[in-house]
Amino acid sequence: SFMADVAHQLRTPLAVLNANVDTMEDRQTASSLKTDVNALSRMVEGLLAETKIEDLEIGTNDRADLSLVARSVAAELGGLAIKSKRSIEVIGPDRAVWVWGSLPALQQAVRLLVENAVDQTAAGSMVSIEVTPDPAIRVIDRGPGIPDDMKPRIFMLGLRADQRGEGDRQGLTAVRRIADAHGAEVGVMDGAGGG
């Protein structure tokens, strides 16, 4: 309850700060501040995500279509990707891929993964959301990758993720907890082309 209250109270001042940064004349300073404000905003959203998971209950008849999850997250975050000079694609069957689970919770988990992928991949790159009939969802970035010694711990709270020690991977604890609630597995592996 405390976490939710704090996160909600931080949202408004962060939005005001973000708007004020957008109007700054010194674009170099504004760009640096924008990065920090965006990181704080992701932390706040991660806190809110954590509070929603506390009350997550999945009914025995709850079903979700992973193809719909992927398409809805791509549509929601497409603007963010374009703004940061990246793009998002959805790969997979043109049919429903049903799983037992909560549609909003699964969308939240994939959204957090895609936000991190967009943040970690280089400008001009593509982030892919792949739906497989297994059923599974893979979020593929073209970033620097994760060092092998960090892979088993990447979904732990507060871990700094990339090889340069930059860029907190916000919300990955929430992703793990959503996966656990669904009896699913979550992990990280190297992509064939990097990332």
N, C-alpha and C. Protein backbone atom coordinates (compact mmCIF):
# COMPACT_ATOMS: atom_id res chain seq x y z
N SER A 1 0.83 -1.19 0.00
CA SER A 1 0.00 0.00 0.00
C SER A 1 0.87 1.26 0.00
N PHE A 2 1.91 1.24 0.84
CA PHE A 2 2.82 2.38 0.90
C PHE A 2 3.50 2.60 -0.44
N MET A 3 3.99 1.50 -1.04
CA MET A 3 4.68 1.59 -2.33
C MET A 3 3.76 2.19 -3.39
N ALA A 4 2.51 1.74 -3.42
CA ALA A 4 1.55 2.24 -4.41
C ALA A 4 1.29 3.72 -4.20
N ASP A 5 1.14 4.14 -2.94
CA ASP A 5 0.89 5.56 -2.65
C ASP A 5 2.06 6.43 -3.09
N VAL A 6 3.27 6.00 -2.75
CA VAL A 6 4.47 6.77 -3.13
C VAL A 6 4.58 6.86 -4.65
N ALA A 7 4.40 5.73 -5.33
CA ALA A 7 4.52 5.71 -6.78
C ALA A 7 3.50 6.64 -7.43
N HIS A 8 2.25 6.58 -6.95
CA HIS A 8 1.21 7.45 -7.52
C HIS A 8 1.53 8.93 -7.27
N GLN A 9 2.06 9.24 -6.08
CA GLN A 9 2.38 10.63 -5.76
C GLN A 9 3.56 11.15 -6.58
N LEU A 10 4.45 10.26 -7.00
CA LEU A 10 5.60 10.69 -7.80
C LEU A 10 5.25 10.91 -9.27
N ARG A 11 4.18 10.29 -9.74
CA ARG A 11 3.84 10.38 -11.17
C ARG A 11 3.61 11.82 -11.62
N THR A 12 2.85 12.60 -10.86
CA THR A 12 2.52 13.97 -11.29
C THR A 12 3.75 14.86 -11.33
N PRO A 13 4.56 14.93 -10.25
CA PRO A 13 5.75 15.78 -10.36
C PRO A 13 6.71 15.35 -11.47
N LEU A 14 6.79 14.06 -11.73
CA LEU A 14 7.65 13.59 -12.82
C LEU A 14 7.10 14.04 -14.17
N ALA A 15 5.78 14.00 -14.33
CA ALA A 15 5.18 14.46 -15.59
C ALA A 15 5.42 15.96 -15.78
N VAL A 16 5.31 16.73 -14.70
CA VAL A 16 5.57 18.18 -14.77
C VAL A 16 7.04 18.43 -15.11
N LEU A 17 7.93 17.70 -14.45
CA LEU A 17 9.36 17.82 -14.72
C LEU A 17 9.67 17.49 -16.17
N ASN A 18 9.07 16.43 -16.67
CA ASN A 18 9.26 16.02 -18.06
C ASN A 18 8.83 17.12 -19.02
N ALA A 19 7.68 17.71 -18.75
CA ALA A 19 7.17 18.79 -19.61
C ALA A 19 8.09 20.00 -19.56
N ASN A 20 8.61 20.33 -18.37
CA ASN A 20 9.51 21.47 -18.25
C ASN A 20 10.84 21.22 -18.97
N VAL A 21 11.33 20.00 -18.91
CA VAL A 21 12.57 19.66 -19.62
C VAL A 21 12.38 19.84 -21.12
N ASP A 22 11.19 19.49 -21.62
CA ASP A 22 10.91 19.62 -23.06
C ASP A 22 10.97 21.07 -23.54
N THR A 23 10.78 22.02 -22.62
CA THR A 23 10.76 23.44 -23.03
C THR A 23 12.10 24.14 -22.80
N MET A 24 13.10 23.42 -22.30
CA MET A 24 14.41 24.03 -22.04
C MET A 24 15.09 24.43 -23.34
N GLU A 25 15.77 25.56 -23.32
CA GLU A 25 16.48 26.02 -24.51
C GLU A 25 17.80 25.28 -24.70
N ASP A 26 18.47 24.95 -23.61
CA ASP A 26 19.74 24.22 -23.70
C ASP A 26 19.42 22.75 -23.99
N ARG A 27 19.45 22.39 -25.27
CA ARG A 27 19.02 21.05 -25.68
C ARG A 27 19.95 19.95 -25.18
N GLN A 28 21.24 20.25 -25.02
CA GLN A 28 22.18 19.23 -24.54
C GLN A 28 21.86 18.87 -23.08
N THR A 29 21.66 19.87 -22.25
CA THR A 29 21.28 19.63 -20.86
C THR A 29 19.91 18.97 -20.80
N ALA A 30 18.99 19.43 -21.64
CA ALA A 30 17.64 18.86 -21.66
C ALA A 30 17.69 17.37 -22.00
N SER A 31 18.52 17.02 -22.96
CA SER A 31 18.64 15.61 -23.35
C SER A 31 19.15 14.76 -22.19
N SER A 32 20.14 15.26 -21.48
CA SER A 32 20.69 14.54 -20.33
C SER A 32 19.64 14.40 -19.23
N LEU A 33 18.93 15.49 -18.95
CA LEU A 33 17.88 15.45 -17.92
C LEU A 33 16.74 14.53 -18.33
N LYS A 34 16.42 14.54 -19.62
CA LYS A 34 15.33 13.69 -20.12
C LYS A 34 15.63 12.22 -19.87
N THR A 35 16.89 11.82 -20.07
CA THR A 35 17.30 10.45 -19.80
C THR A 35 17.06 10.10 -18.34
N ASP A 36 17.44 11.01 -17.44
CA ASP A 36 17.25 10.75 -16.01
C ASP A 36 15.78 10.73 -15.62
N VAL A 37 14.99 11.65 -16.17
CA VAL A 37 13.56 11.69 -15.87
C VAL A 37 12.88 10.43 -16.38
N ASN A 38 13.26 9.97 -17.57
CA ASN A 38 12.69 8.74 -18.10
C ASN A 38 13.04 7.54 -17.23
N ALA A 39 14.28 7.50 -16.71
CA ALA A 39 14.69 6.41 -15.83
C ALA A 39 13.87 6.43 -14.54
N LEU A 40 13.66 7.62 -13.98
CA LEU A 40 12.83 7.74 -12.77
C LEU A 40 11.39 7.32 -13.05
N SER A 41 10.88 7.72 -14.20
CA SER A 41 9.51 7.34 -14.56
C SER A 41 9.37 5.83 -14.67
N ARG A 42 10.37 5.17 -15.26
CA ARG A 42 10.33 3.71 -15.37
C ARG A 42 10.39 3.06 -13.98
N MET A 43 11.17 3.65 -13.07
CA MET A 43 11.22 3.12 -11.71
C MET A 43 9.85 3.21 -11.04
N VAL A 44 9.20 4.35 -11.22
CA VAL A 44 7.87 4.54 -10.63
C VAL A 44 6.89 3.54 -11.22
N GLU A 45 6.93 3.36 -12.55
CA GLU A 45 6.03 2.39 -13.19
C GLU A 45 6.36 0.97 -12.71
N GLY A 46 7.64 0.70 -12.47
CA GLY A 46 8.03 -0.61 -11.93
C GLY A 46 7.46 -0.83 -10.54
N LEU A 47 7.49 0.22 -9.71
CA LEU A 47 6.89 0.12 -8.37
C LEU A 47 5.39 -0.16 -8.47
N LEU A 48 4.72 0.56 -9.37
CA LEU A 48 3.29 0.33 -9.55
C LEU A 48 3.02 -1.08 -10.05
N ALA A 49 3.87 -1.56 -10.95
CA ALA A 49 3.71 -2.92 -11.45
C ALA A 49 3.84 -3.93 -10.31
N GLU A 50 4.81 -3.70 -9.44
CA GLU A 50 5.00 -4.60 -8.30
C GLU A 50 3.76 -4.64 -7.41
N THR A 51 3.14 -3.47 -7.17
CA THR A 51 1.97 -3.45 -6.30
C THR A 51 0.78 -4.18 -6.92
N LYS A 52 0.66 -4.14 -8.24
CA LYS A 52 -0.44 -4.84 -8.90
C LYS A 52 -0.26 -6.36 -8.82
N ILE A 53 0.98 -6.80 -8.81
CA ILE A 53 1.25 -8.24 -8.75
C ILE A 53 0.88 -8.82 -7.39
N GLU A 54 1.01 -8.00 -6.34
CA GLU A 54 0.68 -8.47 -5.00
C GLU A 54 -0.73 -9.05 -4.95
N ASP A 55 -1.65 -8.45 -5.70
CA ASP A 55 -3.05 -8.87 -5.68
C ASP A 55 -3.43 -9.75 -6.87
N LEU A 56 -2.45 -10.22 -7.62
CA LEU A 56 -2.73 -11.00 -8.83
C LEU A 56 -3.34 -12.35 -8.48
N GLU A 57 -4.54 -12.56 -8.98
CA GLU A 57 -5.20 -13.85 -8.82
C GLU A 57 -5.65 -14.30 -10.21
N ILE A 58 -5.28 -15.51 -10.58
CA ILE A 58 -5.65 -16.03 -11.89
C ILE A 58 -6.68 -17.12 -11.68
N GLY A 59 -7.85 -16.91 -12.26
CA GLY A 59 -8.92 -17.89 -12.13
C GLY A 59 -8.66 -19.11 -12.99
N THR A 60 -9.31 -20.21 -12.63
CA THR A 60 -9.09 -21.46 -13.37
C THR A 60 -9.55 -21.36 -14.82
N ASN A 61 -10.47 -20.44 -15.11
CA ASN A 61 -10.97 -20.29 -16.49
C ASN A 61 -10.34 -19.11 -17.24
N ASP A 62 -9.38 -18.42 -16.62
CA ASP A 62 -8.76 -17.27 -17.27
C ASP A 62 -7.85 -17.73 -18.40
N ARG A 63 -8.07 -17.15 -19.57
CA ARG A 63 -7.25 -17.49 -20.74
C ARG A 63 -6.79 -16.20 -21.41
N ALA A 64 -5.63 -16.24 -22.02
CA ALA A 64 -5.09 -15.08 -22.72
C ALA A 64 -4.47 -15.54 -24.04
N ASP A 65 -4.61 -14.72 -25.05
CA ASP A 65 -4.03 -14.99 -26.37
C ASP A 65 -2.69 -14.28 -26.46
N LEU A 66 -1.60 -15.04 -26.56
CA LEU A 66 -0.27 -14.44 -26.62
C LEU A 66 -0.07 -13.60 -27.87
N SER A 67 -0.75 -13.95 -28.97
CA SER A 67 -0.66 -13.13 -30.19
C SER A 67 -1.25 -11.75 -29.93
N LEU A 68 -2.38 -11.71 -29.22
CA LEU A 68 -3.00 -10.43 -28.86
C LEU A 68 -2.11 -9.64 -27.91
N VAL A 69 -1.50 -10.33 -26.94
CA VAL A 69 -0.58 -9.67 -26.01
C VAL A 69 0.53 -8.98 -26.79
N ALA A 70 1.16 -9.69 -27.71
CA ALA A 70 2.28 -9.15 -28.48
C ALA A 70 1.84 -7.95 -29.32
N ARG A 71 0.72 -8.09 -30.03
CA ARG A 71 0.24 -6.99 -30.90
C ARG A 71 -0.13 -5.75 -30.08
N SER A 72 -0.79 -5.96 -28.95
CA SER A 72 -1.23 -4.81 -28.16
C SER A 72 -0.04 -4.07 -27.54
N VAL A 73 0.97 -4.81 -27.09
CA VAL A 73 2.16 -4.17 -26.53
C VAL A 73 2.93 -3.42 -27.63
N ALA A 74 3.05 -4.02 -28.81
CA ALA A 74 3.74 -3.35 -29.92
C ALA A 74 3.01 -2.06 -30.30
N ALA A 75 1.69 -2.10 -30.32
CA ALA A 75 0.91 -0.90 -30.66
C ALA A 75 1.08 0.17 -29.59
N GLU A 76 1.06 -0.24 -28.33
CA GLU A 76 1.18 0.70 -27.22
C GLU A 76 2.55 1.37 -27.18
N LEU A 77 3.61 0.61 -27.46
CA LEU A 77 4.97 1.13 -27.31
C LEU A 77 5.59 1.58 -28.64
N GLY A 78 4.84 1.47 -29.72
CA GLY A 78 5.37 1.87 -31.02
C GLY A 78 5.84 3.31 -31.05
N GLY A 79 5.07 4.20 -30.43
CA GLY A 79 5.45 5.62 -30.39
C GLY A 79 6.73 5.84 -29.61
N LEU A 80 6.88 5.15 -28.49
CA LEU A 80 8.11 5.24 -27.69
C LEU A 80 9.31 4.79 -28.51
N ALA A 81 9.14 3.70 -29.24
CA ALA A 81 10.23 3.17 -30.06
C ALA A 81 10.61 4.16 -31.16
N ILE A 82 9.61 4.68 -31.86
CA ILE A 82 9.87 5.62 -32.95
C ILE A 82 10.55 6.88 -32.42
N LYS A 83 10.08 7.36 -31.27
CA LYS A 83 10.66 8.57 -30.68
C LYS A 83 12.13 8.36 -30.35
N SER A 84 12.51 7.13 -29.98
CA SER A 84 13.91 6.86 -29.65
C SER A 84 14.67 6.24 -30.83
N LYS A 85 14.09 6.39 -32.04
CA LYS A 85 14.72 5.95 -33.29
C LYS A 85 14.94 4.43 -33.34
N ARG A 86 13.96 3.71 -32.83
CA ARG A 86 13.96 2.26 -32.90
C ARG A 86 12.61 1.82 -33.44
N SER A 87 12.45 0.55 -33.73
CA SER A 87 11.15 0.06 -34.20
C SER A 87 10.84 -1.27 -33.52
N ILE A 88 9.56 -1.63 -33.56
CA ILE A 88 9.09 -2.87 -32.94
C ILE A 88 8.36 -3.67 -33.99
N GLU A 89 8.64 -4.97 -34.04
CA GLU A 89 7.92 -5.87 -34.94
C GLU A 89 7.36 -7.03 -34.13
N VAL A 90 6.27 -7.61 -34.64
CA VAL A 90 5.69 -8.81 -34.05
C VAL A 90 5.86 -9.94 -35.05
N ILE A 91 6.42 -11.04 -34.58
CA ILE A 91 6.65 -12.22 -35.41
C ILE A 91 5.83 -13.37 -34.82
N GLY A 92 5.19 -14.13 -35.67
CA GLY A 92 4.49 -15.30 -35.16
C GLY A 92 3.25 -15.62 -35.96
N PRO A 93 2.51 -16.59 -35.48
CA PRO A 93 1.34 -17.05 -36.22
C PRO A 93 0.25 -15.98 -36.28
N ASP A 94 -0.55 -16.04 -37.34
CA ASP A 94 -1.67 -15.11 -37.50
C ASP A 94 -2.92 -15.64 -36.81
N ARG A 95 -2.72 -16.52 -35.88
CA ARG A 95 -3.85 -17.11 -35.15
C ARG A 95 -3.61 -16.93 -33.65
N ALA A 96 -4.64 -17.20 -32.88
CA ALA A 96 -4.52 -17.10 -31.42
C ALA A 96 -3.61 -18.20 -30.89
N VAL A 97 -2.82 -17.85 -29.89
CA VAL A 97 -2.00 -18.82 -29.16
C VAL A 97 -2.44 -18.69 -27.70
N TRP A 98 -3.32 -19.59 -27.28
CA TRP A 98 -3.97 -19.49 -25.98
C TRP A 98 -3.13 -20.09 -24.86
N VAL A 99 -3.15 -19.41 -23.71
CA VAL A 99 -2.51 -19.91 -22.50
C VAL A 99 -3.46 -19.64 -21.33
N TRP A 100 -3.25 -20.35 -20.26
CA TRP A 100 -3.97 -20.07 -19.02
C TRP A 100 -3.33 -18.83 -18.43
N GLY A 101 -4.12 -17.81 -18.12
CA GLY A 101 -3.51 -16.65 -17.50
C GLY A 101 -4.32 -15.39 -17.59
N SER A 102 -3.78 -14.35 -16.99
CA SER A 102 -4.38 -13.03 -16.91
C SER A 102 -3.85 -12.18 -18.06
N LEU A 103 -4.73 -11.76 -18.95
CA LEU A 103 -4.32 -10.93 -20.08
C LEU A 103 -3.63 -9.64 -19.62
N PRO A 104 -4.21 -8.87 -18.67
CA PRO A 104 -3.52 -7.64 -18.25
C PRO A 104 -2.14 -7.89 -17.64
N ALA A 105 -2.00 -8.95 -16.85
CA ALA A 105 -0.71 -9.24 -16.22
C ALA A 105 0.32 -9.64 -17.27
N LEU A 106 -0.08 -10.47 -18.23
CA LEU A 106 0.86 -10.88 -19.28
C LEU A 106 1.24 -9.69 -20.16
N GLN A 107 0.29 -8.81 -20.44
CA GLN A 107 0.62 -7.59 -21.19
C GLN A 107 1.61 -6.74 -20.42
N GLN A 108 1.43 -6.65 -19.11
CA GLN A 108 2.34 -5.87 -18.28
C GLN A 108 3.75 -6.46 -18.34
N ALA A 109 3.86 -7.77 -18.23
CA ALA A 109 5.18 -8.42 -18.26
C ALA A 109 5.87 -8.17 -19.60
N VAL A 110 5.14 -8.36 -20.70
CA VAL A 110 5.75 -8.17 -22.02
C VAL A 110 6.08 -6.70 -22.24
N ARG A 111 5.21 -5.81 -21.77
CA ARG A 111 5.49 -4.37 -21.89
C ARG A 111 6.80 -4.02 -21.20
N LEU A 112 7.01 -4.53 -19.98
CA LEU A 112 8.25 -4.26 -19.26
C LEU A 112 9.47 -4.80 -20.01
N LEU A 113 9.34 -6.00 -20.58
CA LEU A 113 10.45 -6.57 -21.35
C LEU A 113 10.75 -5.73 -22.59
N VAL A 114 9.70 -5.28 -23.28
CA VAL A 114 9.91 -4.50 -24.51
C VAL A 114 10.48 -3.13 -24.18
N GLU A 115 10.00 -2.49 -23.10
CA GLU A 115 10.57 -1.20 -22.70
C GLU A 115 12.06 -1.33 -22.45
N ASN A 116 12.46 -2.39 -21.76
CA ASN A 116 13.88 -2.62 -21.50
C ASN A 116 14.64 -2.89 -22.79
N ALA A 117 14.04 -3.65 -23.69
CA ALA A 117 14.69 -3.96 -24.96
C ALA A 117 14.90 -2.69 -25.78
N VAL A 118 13.88 -1.83 -25.83
CA VAL A 118 14.01 -0.57 -26.55
C VAL A 118 15.12 0.27 -25.94
N ASP A 119 15.19 0.27 -24.62
CA ASP A 119 16.21 1.05 -23.92
C ASP A 119 17.62 0.51 -24.18
N GLN A 120 17.76 -0.80 -24.33
CA GLN A 120 19.08 -1.41 -24.44
C GLN A 120 19.59 -1.53 -25.87
N THR A 121 18.71 -1.48 -26.85
CA THR A 121 19.14 -1.69 -28.22
C THR A 121 19.59 -0.37 -28.84
N ALA A 122 20.45 -0.44 -29.83
CA ALA A 122 21.01 0.76 -30.45
C ALA A 122 19.97 1.48 -31.31
N ALA A 123 20.14 2.78 -31.44
CA ALA A 123 19.27 3.56 -32.33
C ALA A 123 19.35 2.97 -33.73
N GLY A 124 18.21 2.94 -34.40
CA GLY A 124 18.13 2.39 -35.74
C GLY A 124 17.88 0.88 -35.74
N SER A 125 17.76 0.28 -34.56
CA SER A 125 17.58 -1.16 -34.46
C SER A 125 16.11 -1.55 -34.29
N MET A 126 15.87 -2.83 -34.47
CA MET A 126 14.53 -3.40 -34.33
C MET A 126 14.46 -4.22 -33.05
N VAL A 127 13.34 -4.08 -32.33
CA VAL A 127 13.02 -4.96 -31.21
C VAL A 127 11.92 -5.88 -31.71
N SER A 128 12.11 -7.18 -31.55
CA SER A 128 11.14 -8.16 -32.03
C SER A 128 10.40 -8.79 -30.87
N ILE A 129 9.09 -8.94 -31.04
CA ILE A 129 8.28 -9.71 -30.10
C ILE A 129 7.84 -10.94 -30.88
N GLU A 130 8.40 -12.08 -30.52
CA GLU A 130 8.12 -13.32 -31.24
C GLU A 130 7.18 -14.19 -30.42
N VAL A 131 6.08 -14.60 -31.03
CA VAL A 131 5.14 -15.53 -30.40
C VAL A 131 5.35 -16.89 -31.06
N THR A 132 5.53 -17.91 -30.24
CA THR A 132 5.72 -19.25 -30.78
C THR A 132 4.58 -20.15 -30.31
N PRO A 133 4.31 -21.22 -31.06
CA PRO A 133 3.22 -22.12 -30.67
C PRO A 133 3.52 -22.97 -29.44
N ASP A 134 4.72 -22.85 -28.85
CA ASP A 134 5.14 -23.69 -27.71
C ASP A 134 4.12 -23.80 -26.57
N PRO A 135 3.52 -22.82 -26.00
CA PRO A 135 3.49 -21.40 -26.32
C PRO A 135 4.58 -20.63 -25.58
N ALA A 136 5.09 -19.58 -26.23
CA ALA A 136 6.10 -18.73 -25.61
C ALA A 136 6.10 -17.37 -26.29
N ILE A 137 6.64 -16.40 -25.58
CA ILE A 137 6.91 -15.08 -26.15
C ILE A 137 8.39 -14.80 -25.91
N ARG A 138 9.07 -14.38 -26.98
CA ARG A 138 10.46 -13.97 -26.87
C ARG A 138 10.55 -12.50 -27.26
N VAL A 139 11.22 -11.71 -26.43
CA VAL A 139 11.50 -10.32 -26.76
C VAL A 139 12.97 -10.27 -27.12
N ILE A 140 13.25 -9.86 -28.35
CA ILE A 140 14.61 -9.92 -28.89
C ILE A 140 15.10 -8.50 -29.17
N ASP A 141 16.22 -8.14 -28.54
CA ASP A 141 16.81 -6.84 -28.83
C ASP A 141 18.14 -7.03 -29.54
N ARG A 142 18.71 -5.94 -29.97
CA ARG A 142 20.02 -5.98 -30.64
C ARG A 142 21.02 -5.17 -29.82
N GLY A 143 20.89 -5.29 -28.48
CA GLY A 143 21.75 -4.55 -27.56
C GLY A 143 23.06 -5.26 -27.30
N PRO A 144 23.77 -4.83 -26.24
CA PRO A 144 25.09 -5.37 -25.94
C PRO A 144 25.07 -6.77 -25.34
N GLY A 145 23.90 -7.26 -24.98
CA GLY A 145 23.82 -8.59 -24.37
C GLY A 145 24.05 -8.53 -22.87
N ILE A 146 23.91 -9.67 -22.23
CA ILE A 146 24.07 -9.78 -20.78
C ILE A 146 25.26 -10.71 -20.51
N PRO A 147 26.20 -10.28 -19.66
CA PRO A 147 27.32 -11.17 -19.33
C PRO A 147 26.80 -12.48 -18.73
N ASP A 148 27.47 -13.59 -19.05
CA ASP A 148 27.03 -14.91 -18.61
C ASP A 148 26.82 -15.00 -17.10
N ASP A 149 27.71 -14.37 -16.32
CA ASP A 149 27.59 -14.48 -14.86
C ASP A 149 26.37 -13.74 -14.32
N MET A 150 25.80 -12.83 -15.11
CA MET A 150 24.63 -12.08 -14.65
C MET A 150 23.31 -12.71 -15.08
N LYS A 151 23.35 -13.59 -16.07
CA LYS A 151 22.11 -14.16 -16.61
C LYS A 151 21.23 -14.83 -15.56
N PRO A 152 21.80 -15.63 -14.64
CA PRO A 152 20.93 -16.28 -13.66
C PRO A 152 20.27 -15.29 -12.69
N ARG A 153 20.83 -14.08 -12.60
CA ARG A 153 20.34 -13.10 -11.60
C ARG A 153 19.62 -11.91 -12.22
N ILE A 154 19.45 -11.90 -13.54
CA ILE A 154 18.95 -10.72 -14.22
C ILE A 154 17.54 -10.32 -13.77
N PHE A 155 16.76 -11.26 -13.29
CA PHE A 155 15.39 -10.95 -12.88
C PHE A 155 15.29 -10.69 -11.38
N MET A 156 16.42 -10.36 -10.75
CA MET A 156 16.43 -10.00 -9.34
C MET A 156 16.35 -8.49 -9.20
N LEU A 157 15.79 -8.04 -8.10
CA LEU A 157 15.56 -6.62 -7.85
C LEU A 157 16.86 -5.83 -7.85
N GLY A 158 16.85 -4.72 -8.59
CA GLY A 158 17.92 -3.74 -8.53
C GLY A 158 19.19 -4.09 -9.27
N LEU A 159 19.19 -5.16 -10.04
CA LEU A 159 20.41 -5.55 -10.74
C LEU A 159 20.65 -4.63 -11.93
N ARG A 160 21.90 -4.19 -12.09
CA ARG A 160 22.27 -3.40 -13.24
C ARG A 160 22.70 -4.36 -14.32
N ALA A 161 22.23 -4.11 -15.54
CA ALA A 161 22.23 -5.20 -16.48
C ALA A 161 23.28 -5.22 -17.56
N ASP A 162 23.56 -4.12 -18.20
CA ASP A 162 24.37 -4.29 -19.40
C ASP A 162 25.86 -4.28 -19.10
N GLN A 163 26.64 -4.61 -20.07
CA GLN A 163 28.07 -4.81 -19.87
C GLN A 163 28.79 -3.53 -19.49
N ARG A 164 28.22 -2.39 -19.83
CA ARG A 164 28.86 -1.12 -19.48
C ARG A 164 28.49 -0.69 -18.06
N GLY A 165 27.57 -1.45 -17.39
CA GLY A 165 27.13 -1.06 -16.05
C GLY A 165 26.12 0.06 -16.10
N GLU A 166 25.56 0.32 -17.27
CA GLU A 166 24.58 1.39 -17.42
C GLU A 166 23.20 0.78 -17.60
N GLY A 167 22.18 1.56 -17.31
CA GLY A 167 20.83 1.18 -17.68
C GLY A 167 20.20 0.13 -16.79
N ASP A 168 19.64 0.56 -15.66
CA ASP A 168 18.90 -0.38 -14.82
C ASP A 168 17.83 -1.05 -15.64
N ARG A 169 17.70 -2.34 -15.49
CA ARG A 169 16.62 -3.08 -16.14
C ARG A 169 15.43 -3.03 -15.19
N GLN A 170 14.61 -2.01 -15.34
CA GLN A 170 13.50 -1.81 -14.44
C GLN A 170 12.38 -2.81 -14.71
N GLY A 171 11.77 -3.26 -13.63
CA GLY A 171 10.59 -4.08 -13.76
C GLY A 171 10.83 -5.55 -14.03
N LEU A 172 12.09 -5.99 -14.12
CA LEU A 172 12.32 -7.39 -14.43
C LEU A 172 11.94 -8.31 -13.27
N THR A 173 11.99 -7.79 -12.05
CA THR A 173 11.49 -8.57 -10.91
C THR A 173 10.00 -8.80 -11.07
N ALA A 174 9.28 -7.77 -11.53
CA ALA A 174 7.84 -7.91 -11.76
C ALA A 174 7.58 -8.94 -12.85
N VAL A 175 8.40 -8.95 -13.89
CA VAL A 175 8.25 -9.95 -14.96
C VAL A 175 8.38 -11.35 -14.39
N ARG A 176 9.39 -11.56 -13.57
CA ARG A 176 9.61 -12.89 -12.96
C ARG A 176 8.42 -13.28 -12.09
N ARG A 177 7.91 -12.34 -11.31
CA ARG A 177 6.80 -12.66 -10.41
C ARG A 177 5.52 -12.96 -11.20
N ILE A 178 5.30 -12.26 -12.31
CA ILE A 178 4.14 -12.56 -13.15
C ILE A 178 4.29 -13.95 -13.76
N ALA A 179 5.49 -14.26 -14.23
CA ALA A 179 5.74 -15.59 -14.79
C ALA A 179 5.50 -16.66 -13.73
N ASP A 180 6.01 -16.45 -12.52
CA ASP A 180 5.83 -17.41 -11.44
C ASP A 180 4.35 -17.64 -11.14
N ALA A 181 3.58 -16.54 -11.13
CA ALA A 181 2.14 -16.65 -10.84
C ALA A 181 1.41 -17.47 -11.90
N HIS A 182 1.97 -17.52 -13.10
CA HIS A 182 1.36 -18.27 -14.21
C HIS A 182 1.95 -19.67 -14.36
N GLY A 183 2.91 -20.03 -13.51
CA GLY A 183 3.56 -21.31 -13.66
C GLY A 183 4.43 -21.35 -14.90
N ALA A 184 4.88 -20.19 -15.34
CA ALA A 184 5.70 -20.07 -16.55
C ALA A 184 7.16 -19.88 -16.16
N GLU A 185 8.03 -19.98 -17.14
CA GLU A 185 9.46 -19.74 -16.92
C GLU A 185 9.86 -18.46 -17.63
N VAL A 186 10.82 -17.77 -17.08
CA VAL A 186 11.39 -16.58 -17.71
C VAL A 186 12.90 -16.70 -17.64
N GLY A 187 13.56 -16.32 -18.71
CA GLY A 187 15.01 -16.43 -18.74
C GLY A 187 15.60 -15.50 -19.79
N VAL A 188 16.91 -15.51 -19.86
CA VAL A 188 17.62 -14.66 -20.82
C VAL A 188 18.68 -15.50 -21.51
N MET A 189 18.83 -15.27 -22.82
CA MET A 189 19.87 -15.97 -23.57
C MET A 189 20.40 -15.03 -24.67
N ASP A 190 21.55 -15.36 -25.19
CA ASP A 190 22.15 -14.56 -26.25
C ASP A 190 21.41 -14.82 -27.56
N GLY A 191 21.20 -13.74 -28.32
CA GLY A 191 20.61 -13.88 -29.64
C GLY A 191 21.68 -14.24 -30.67
N ALA A 192 21.27 -14.86 -31.73
CA ALA A 192 22.21 -15.27 -32.78
C ALA A 192 22.96 -14.09 -33.36
N GLY A 193 22.28 -12.96 -33.49
CA GLY A 193 22.92 -11.76 -34.04
C GLY A 193 23.30 -10.75 -32.99
N GLY A 194 23.46 -11.18 -31.74
CA GLY A 194 23.76 -10.27 -30.64
C GLY A 194 22.50 -9.89 -29.91
N GLY A 195 22.66 -9.23 -28.79
CA GLY A 195 21.51 -8.82 -27.99
C GLY A 195 21.01 -9.94 -27.12
